[in-house]
């Protein structure tokens, strides 16, 4: 397991909220994101449309 203590993309501010973590996660190739008791998996070759669908689900839960 790798834990990144400065969760951000180069040149962007450090993630400070769940919504920020989601935006970072969906625009990178990070494999997993855990927010509270939610585990999200970022499968390879996911289209932007699929990520948009995930985003809507995430927004409903936060």
PDB file of N, CA and C in Angstrom:
ATOM      1  N   UNK A   1       0.844  -1.154   0.000  1.00  0.00           N
ATOM      2  CA  UNK A   1       0.000   0.000   0.000  1.00  0.00           C
ATOM      3  C   UNK A   1       0.895   1.223   0.000  1.00  0.00           C
ATOM      4  N   UNK A   2       0.523   2.198  -0.806  1.00  0.00           N
ATOM      5  CA  UNK A   2       1.213   3.481  -0.821  1.00  0.00           C
ATOM      6  C   UNK A   2       0.236   4.532  -0.340  1.00  0.00           C
ATOM      7  N   UNK A   3       0.648   5.310   0.617  1.00  0.00           N
ATOM      8  CA  UNK A   3      -0.177   6.404   1.090  1.00  0.00           C
ATOM      9  C   UNK A   3       0.545   7.692   0.734  1.00  0.00           C
ATOM     10  N   UNK A   4      -0.104   8.502  -0.048  1.00  0.00           N
ATOM     11  CA  UNK A   4       0.467   9.779  -0.461  1.00  0.00           C
ATOM     12  C   UNK A   4       0.031  10.838   0.541  1.00  0.00           C
ATOM     13  N   UNK A   5       0.970  11.390   1.265  1.00  0.00           N
ATOM     14  CA  UNK A   5       0.614  12.346   2.313  1.00  0.00           C
ATOM     15  C   UNK A   5       0.340  13.740   1.774  1.00  0.00           C
ATOM     16  N   UNK A   6       0.626  13.974   0.516  1.00  0.00           N
ATOM     17  CA  UNK A   6       0.284  15.259  -0.098  1.00  0.00           C
ATOM     18  C   UNK A   6      -0.529  14.970  -1.351  1.00  0.00           C
ATOM     19  N   UNK A   7      -1.796  14.740  -1.151  1.00  0.00           N
ATOM     20  CA  UNK A   7      -2.713  14.305  -2.200  1.00  0.00           C
ATOM     21  C   UNK A   7      -3.054  15.497  -3.095  1.00  0.00           C
ATOM     22  N   UNK A   8      -2.378  15.550  -4.233  1.00  0.00           N
ATOM     23  CA  UNK A   8      -2.661  16.574  -5.233  1.00  0.00           C
ATOM     24  C   UNK A   8      -1.922  16.239  -6.514  1.00  0.00           C
ATOM     25  N   UNK A   9      -2.322  16.874  -7.582  1.00  0.00           N
ATOM     26  CA  UNK A   9      -1.643  16.755  -8.868  1.00  0.00           C
ATOM     27  C   UNK A   9      -0.644  17.900  -8.947  1.00  0.00           C
ATOM     28  N   UNK A  10       0.470  17.657  -9.561  1.00  0.00           N
ATOM     29  CA  UNK A  10       1.509  18.681  -9.671  1.00  0.00           C
ATOM     30  C   UNK A  10       0.932  20.013 -10.139  1.00  0.00           C
ATOM     31  N   UNK A  11       1.238  21.050  -9.389  1.00  0.00           N
ATOM     32  CA  UNK A  11       0.773  22.380  -9.748  1.00  0.00           C
ATOM     33  C   UNK A  11      -0.591  22.749  -9.189  1.00  0.00           C
ATOM     34  N   UNK A  12      -1.291  21.791  -8.581  1.00  0.00           N
ATOM     35  CA  UNK A  12      -2.611  22.042  -7.992  1.00  0.00           C
ATOM     36  C   UNK A  12      -2.482  22.085  -6.469  1.00  0.00           C
ATOM     37  N   UNK A  13      -3.422  22.755  -5.796  1.00  0.00           N
ATOM     38  CA  UNK A  13      -3.378  22.783  -4.330  1.00  0.00           C
ATOM     39  C   UNK A  13      -3.648  21.405  -3.739  1.00  0.00           C
ATOM     40  N   UNK A  14      -3.208  21.196  -2.515  1.00  0.00           N
ATOM     41  CA  UNK A  14      -3.439  19.928  -1.822  1.00  0.00           C
ATOM     42  C   UNK A  14      -4.936  19.750  -1.607  1.00  0.00           C
ATOM     43  N   UNK A  15      -5.396  18.522  -1.779  1.00  0.00           N
ATOM     44  CA  UNK A  15      -6.798  18.171  -1.589  1.00  0.00           C
ATOM     45  C   UNK A  15      -7.159  18.352  -0.119  1.00  0.00           C
ATOM     46  N   UNK A  16      -8.257  19.057   0.138  1.00  0.00           N
ATOM     47  CA  UNK A  16      -8.670  19.324   1.519  1.00  0.00           C
ATOM     48  C   UNK A  16     -10.096  18.870   1.829  1.00  0.00           C
ATOM     49  N   UNK A  17     -10.854  18.475   0.820  1.00  0.00           N
ATOM     50  CA  UNK A  17     -12.246  18.064   1.029  1.00  0.00           C
ATOM     51  C   UNK A  17     -12.566  16.862   0.145  1.00  0.00           C
ATOM     52  N   UNK A  18     -13.615  16.143   0.503  1.00  0.00           N
ATOM     53  CA  UNK A  18     -14.008  14.953  -0.262  1.00  0.00           C
ATOM     54  C   UNK A  18     -14.267  15.287  -1.726  1.00  0.00           C
ATOM     55  N   UNK A  19     -14.929  16.384  -1.982  1.00  0.00           N
ATOM     56  CA  UNK A  19     -15.215  16.767  -3.369  1.00  0.00           C
ATOM     57  C   UNK A  19     -13.930  17.043  -4.135  1.00  0.00           C
ATOM     58  N   UNK A  20     -12.938  17.647  -3.470  1.00  0.00           N
ATOM     59  CA  UNK A  20     -11.639  17.895  -4.105  1.00  0.00           C
ATOM     60  C   UNK A  20     -10.942  16.574  -4.420  1.00  0.00           C
ATOM     61  N   UNK A  21     -11.040  15.612  -3.499  1.00  0.00           N
ATOM     62  CA  UNK A  21     -10.391  14.316  -3.729  1.00  0.00           C
ATOM     63  C   UNK A  21     -11.004  13.617  -4.929  1.00  0.00           C
ATOM     64  N   UNK A  22     -12.326  13.738  -5.074  1.00  0.00           N
ATOM     65  CA  UNK A  22     -12.999  13.135  -6.220  1.00  0.00           C
ATOM     66  C   UNK A  22     -12.510  13.745  -7.522  1.00  0.00           C
ATOM     67  N   UNK A  23     -12.420  15.073  -7.582  1.00  0.00           N
ATOM     68  CA  UNK A  23     -11.963  15.739  -8.802  1.00  0.00           C
ATOM     69  C   UNK A  23     -10.546  15.310  -9.156  1.00  0.00           C
ATOM     70  N   UNK A  24      -9.682  15.219  -8.160  1.00  0.00           N
ATOM     71  CA  UNK A  24      -8.304  14.780  -8.401  1.00  0.00           C
ATOM     72  C   UNK A  24      -8.299  13.329  -8.896  1.00  0.00           C
ATOM     73  N   UNK A  25      -9.048  12.469  -8.217  1.00  0.00           N
ATOM     74  CA  UNK A  25      -9.113  11.044  -8.538  1.00  0.00           C
ATOM     75  C   UNK A  25      -9.583  10.810  -9.966  1.00  0.00           C
ATOM     76  N   UNK A  26     -10.633  11.489 -10.371  1.00  0.00           N
ATOM     77  CA  UNK A  26     -11.207  11.199 -11.684  1.00  0.00           C
ATOM     78  C   UNK A  26     -10.368  11.724 -12.833  1.00  0.00           C
ATOM     79  N   UNK A  27      -9.443  12.621 -12.554  1.00  0.00           N
ATOM     80  CA  UNK A  27      -8.594  13.165 -13.618  1.00  0.00           C
ATOM     81  C   UNK A  27      -7.175  12.614 -13.566  1.00  0.00           C
ATOM     82  N   UNK A  28      -6.987  11.537 -12.812  1.00  0.00           N
ATOM     83  CA  UNK A  28      -5.679  10.890 -12.725  1.00  0.00           C
ATOM     84  C   UNK A  28      -5.848   9.389 -12.939  1.00  0.00           C
ATOM     85  N   UNK A  29      -4.766   8.680 -12.835  1.00  0.00           N
ATOM     86  CA  UNK A  29      -4.815   7.221 -12.946  1.00  0.00           C
ATOM     87  C   UNK A  29      -4.626   6.570 -11.585  1.00  0.00           C
ATOM     88  N   UNK A  30      -5.044   7.251 -10.518  1.00  0.00           N
ATOM     89  CA  UNK A  30      -5.027   6.671  -9.180  1.00  0.00           C
ATOM     90  C   UNK A  30      -5.976   5.476  -9.198  1.00  0.00           C
ATOM     91  N   UNK A  31      -5.540   4.340  -8.631  1.00  0.00           N
ATOM     92  CA  UNK A  31      -6.336   3.115  -8.696  1.00  0.00           C
ATOM     93  C   UNK A  31      -7.541   3.120  -7.769  1.00  0.00           C
ATOM     94  N   UNK A  32      -7.359   3.585  -6.533  1.00  0.00           N
ATOM     95  CA  UNK A  32      -8.437   3.542  -5.545  1.00  0.00           C
ATOM     96  C   UNK A  32      -8.511   4.847  -4.779  1.00  0.00           C
ATOM     97  N   UNK A  33      -9.720   5.156  -4.329  1.00  0.00           N
ATOM     98  CA  UNK A  33      -9.948   6.309  -3.467  1.00  0.00           C
ATOM     99  C   UNK A  33     -10.904   5.862  -2.376  1.00  0.00           C
ATOM    100  N   UNK A  34     -10.547   6.160  -1.138  1.00  0.00           N
ATOM    101  CA  UNK A  34     -11.417   5.860  -0.007  1.00  0.00           C
ATOM    102  C   UNK A  34     -11.816   7.190   0.615  1.00  0.00           C
ATOM    103  N   UNK A  35     -13.127   7.409   0.709  1.00  0.00           N
ATOM    104  CA  UNK A  35     -13.670   8.593   1.362  1.00  0.00           C
ATOM    105  C   UNK A  35     -14.688   8.093   2.376  1.00  0.00           C
ATOM    106  N   UNK A  36     -14.379   8.272   3.647  1.00  0.00           N
ATOM    107  CA  UNK A  36     -15.256   7.725   4.687  1.00  0.00           C
ATOM    108  C   UNK A  36     -15.324   6.218   4.559  1.00  0.00           C
ATOM    109  N   UNK A  37     -16.522   5.688   4.383  1.00  0.00           N
ATOM    110  CA  UNK A  37     -16.676   4.240   4.212  1.00  0.00           C
ATOM    111  C   UNK A  37     -16.938   3.854   2.757  1.00  0.00           C
ATOM    112  N   UNK A  38     -16.621   4.757   1.838  1.00  0.00           N
ATOM    113  CA  UNK A  38     -16.821   4.511   0.404  1.00  0.00           C
ATOM    114  C   UNK A  38     -15.480   4.191  -0.245  1.00  0.00           C
ATOM    115  N   UNK A  39     -15.408   3.052  -0.938  1.00  0.00           N
ATOM    116  CA  UNK A  39     -14.219   2.655  -1.686  1.00  0.00           C
ATOM    117  C   UNK A  39     -14.541   2.769  -3.164  1.00  0.00           C
ATOM    118  N   UNK A  40     -13.772   3.586  -3.876  1.00  0.00           N
ATOM    119  CA  UNK A  40     -13.958   3.762  -5.313  1.00  0.00           C
ATOM    120  C   UNK A  40     -12.762   3.170  -6.044  1.00  0.00           C
ATOM    121  N   UNK A  41     -13.033   2.472  -7.120  1.00  0.00           N
ATOM    122  CA  UNK A  41     -11.994   1.872  -7.950  1.00  0.00           C
ATOM    123  C   UNK A  41     -12.010   2.566  -9.300  1.00  0.00           C
ATOM    124  N   UNK A  42     -10.849   2.926  -9.772  1.00  0.00           N
ATOM    125  CA  UNK A  42     -10.712   3.622 -11.051  1.00  0.00           C
ATOM    126  C   UNK A  42     -10.148   2.633 -12.068  1.00  0.00           C
ATOM    127  N   UNK A  43     -11.023   1.853 -12.738  1.00  0.00           N
ATOM    128  CA  UNK A  43     -10.515   0.862 -13.681  1.00  0.00           C
ATOM    129  C   UNK A  43      -9.826   1.517 -14.872  1.00  0.00           C
ATOM    130  N   UNK A  44      -8.850   0.830 -15.446  1.00  0.00           N
ATOM    131  CA  UNK A  44      -8.164   1.388 -16.610  1.00  0.00           C
ATOM    132  C   UNK A  44      -9.123   1.565 -17.779  1.00  0.00           C
ATOM    133  N   UNK A  45      -8.790   2.491 -18.633  1.00  0.00           N
ATOM    134  CA  UNK A  45      -9.557   2.741 -19.855  1.00  0.00           C
ATOM    135  C   UNK A  45     -11.007   3.152 -19.589  1.00  0.00           C
ATOM    136  N   UNK A  46     -11.213   3.923 -18.539  1.00  0.00           N
ATOM    137  CA  UNK A  46     -12.545   4.424 -18.223  1.00  0.00           C
ATOM    138  C   UNK A  46     -12.785   5.708 -19.003  1.00  0.00           C
ATOM    139  N   UNK A  47     -13.925   5.771 -19.661  1.00  0.00           N
ATOM    140  CA  UNK A  47     -14.229   6.952 -20.472  1.00  0.00           C
ATOM    141  C   UNK A  47     -14.623   8.124 -19.573  1.00  0.00           C
ATOM    142  N   UNK A  48     -14.538   9.321 -20.118  1.00  0.00           N
ATOM    143  CA  UNK A  48     -14.970  10.511 -19.378  1.00  0.00           C
ATOM    144  C   UNK A  48     -16.465  10.425 -19.071  1.00  0.00           C
ATOM    145  N   UNK A  49     -17.240   9.823 -19.962  1.00  0.00           N
ATOM    146  CA  UNK A  49     -18.678   9.659 -19.725  1.00  0.00           C
ATOM    147  C   UNK A  49     -18.929   8.791 -18.492  1.00  0.00           C
ATOM    148  N   UNK A  50     -18.177   7.679 -18.373  1.00  0.00           N
ATOM    149  CA  UNK A  50     -18.317   6.824 -17.196  1.00  0.00           C
ATOM    150  C   UNK A  50     -17.922   7.576 -15.929  1.00  0.00           C
ATOM    151  N   UNK A  51     -16.845   8.346 -16.009  1.00  0.00           N
ATOM    152  CA  UNK A  51     -16.413   9.119 -14.847  1.00  0.00           C
ATOM    153  C   UNK A  51     -17.431  10.195 -14.498  1.00  0.00           C
ATOM    154  N   UNK A  52     -18.095  10.775 -15.484  1.00  0.00           N
ATOM    155  CA  UNK A  52     -19.150  11.744 -15.213  1.00  0.00           C
ATOM    156  C   UNK A  52     -20.307  11.080 -14.467  1.00  0.00           C
ATOM    157  N   UNK A  53     -20.648   9.844 -14.849  1.00  0.00           N
ATOM    158  CA  UNK A  53     -21.699   9.104 -14.156  1.00  0.00           C
ATOM    159  C   UNK A  53     -21.302   8.864 -12.711  1.00  0.00           C
ATOM    160  N   UNK A  54     -20.033   8.452 -12.481  1.00  0.00           N
ATOM    161  CA  UNK A  54     -19.533   8.265 -11.112  1.00  0.00           C
ATOM    162  C   UNK A  54     -19.625   9.570 -10.344  1.00  0.00           C
ATOM    163  N   UNK A  55     -19.261  10.658 -11.003  1.00  0.00           N
ATOM    164  CA  UNK A  55     -19.253  11.962 -10.343  1.00  0.00           C
ATOM    165  C   UNK A  55     -20.642  12.305  -9.816  1.00  0.00           C
ATOM    166  N   UNK A  56     -21.655  12.053 -10.596  1.00  0.00           N
ATOM    167  CA  UNK A  56     -23.028  12.343 -10.172  1.00  0.00           C
ATOM    168  C   UNK A  56     -23.404  11.500  -8.960  1.00  0.00           C
ATOM    169  N   UNK A  57     -22.999  10.234  -8.943  1.00  0.00           N
ATOM    170  CA  UNK A  57     -23.284   9.363  -7.808  1.00  0.00           C
ATOM    171  C   UNK A  57     -22.554   9.859  -6.560  1.00  0.00           C
ATOM    172  N   UNK A  58     -21.315  10.285  -6.726  1.00  0.00           N
ATOM    173  CA  UNK A  58     -20.514  10.766  -5.612  1.00  0.00           C
ATOM    174  C   UNK A  58     -21.137  12.044  -5.049  1.00  0.00           C
ATOM    175  N   UNK A  59     -21.549  12.957  -5.922  1.00  0.00           N
ATOM    176  CA  UNK A  59     -22.145  14.208  -5.485  1.00  0.00           C
ATOM    177  C   UNK A  59     -23.412  13.960  -4.664  1.00  0.00           C
ATOM    178  N   UNK A  60     -24.175  12.920  -5.028  1.00  0.00           N
ATOM    179  CA  UNK A  60     -25.400  12.587  -4.297  1.00  0.00           C
ATOM    180  C   UNK A  60     -25.093  12.069  -2.891  1.00  0.00           C
ATOM    181  N   UNK A  61     -23.916  11.426  -2.715  1.00  0.00           N
ATOM    182  CA  UNK A  61     -23.570  10.839  -1.421  1.00  0.00           C
ATOM    183  C   UNK A  61     -22.872  11.835  -0.500  1.00  0.00           C
ATOM    184  N   UNK A  62     -22.300  12.902  -1.053  1.00  0.00           N
ATOM    185  CA  UNK A  62     -21.541  13.822  -0.206  1.00  0.00           C
ATOM    186  C   UNK A  62     -22.406  14.940   0.319  1.00  0.00           C
TER     187      UNK A  62
END
